[in-house]
Amino acid sequence: MDGQSEGQISCELSNWTGKAYRIPRSHIRQCGNKPDLNNAGVYILFGKSDDPGKEGRAYIGEADGVRQRLEQHLTQKDFWNDAIVFISKDNNLNKAHIKYLESKLYEIACEAGRYKLENSNKPTRSTISEPDMAEMEEFIANIKLLIGTLGFKIFEPLVSQHNAAHQEILFIRTSRGADAQGISTPEGFVVLKNSLIAAETTCSYTENYKRIRETMCTNNTLVAEGKALRLTKDTLFSSPSTAASVIMGRCANGLTEWKTKDGRILKAL
């Protein structure tokens, strides 16, 4: 949009009245020449995360005038590097519409669980008519399509219905309390919700794996259950070995530890 590979980007879809902007934080004050950013809309701020179980940090918001709100966030919030904005080209979104969109997007992002959400409170959902609700649901479907195209998977579940239907479930079971299930995906290895993780670790356990487990306990991704720890949600790990090592409480080779129900190791698949 501004001739720079790392600059502002605008996206539209045919037969859709909406429009998306991706704006780096450093370019926010340069958006005064885009009057449609003064329209009502919803926006998402994205930043990096030190949490090994999250792809990043995000804040979902709404405003009657998006550009002014983003300028306020330059001084109020310091975690973010990019903003994605969704507005209506014909400026037909009212306050009830954008409050509905904000609330639904927040819920979808929570369910996907990929990002740590920086919203201090759950957004309240406005009451709108059935025709308006249908229109907003179509708006949300287009938001999900465009935001994935822009490189952010905040609304995509870790385990899609396609993966669940076509990927073989893999298992780790040990005498030390581990009883886990997982799926290998193009993004990494996903350990499934309610898997049990060995509570105790070996003397040779590395500091990196210790930090991952400590972080997961702090954010309640892992909770105590009897003599083990239970995973409260589907969790993406960078590799099968990282997943196996966190689960087993010792350094492990995921290619040989993860097995199918009939005993075949991941390396052989």
Foldseek 3Di string as FASTA:
>chain_A
DPPDPPAKDKDDDPPAQKIKIKGWLVCLVVCPVPVQLQAWWKKKFWAADPQQQARTEIEIGIDRRRSVVSVVCNPVPDGGTMMMIMAGNVRPDDPLLRLQLRQVLVVLLVQQPRHHYPDPDRRDHHDDDPVSVVVSVVVVVVVCVVVVVVPDNSRPHPQDPVQVVPFAWWWFDDPQWWTWIWTQDPQEIKIAFFTWARPEADPPADPVLVVNLVSCVVVVCWDDDPRTIGGHGITGHNYQQSVVCNRHRYRDDSQARIAGPVGHGNVVD
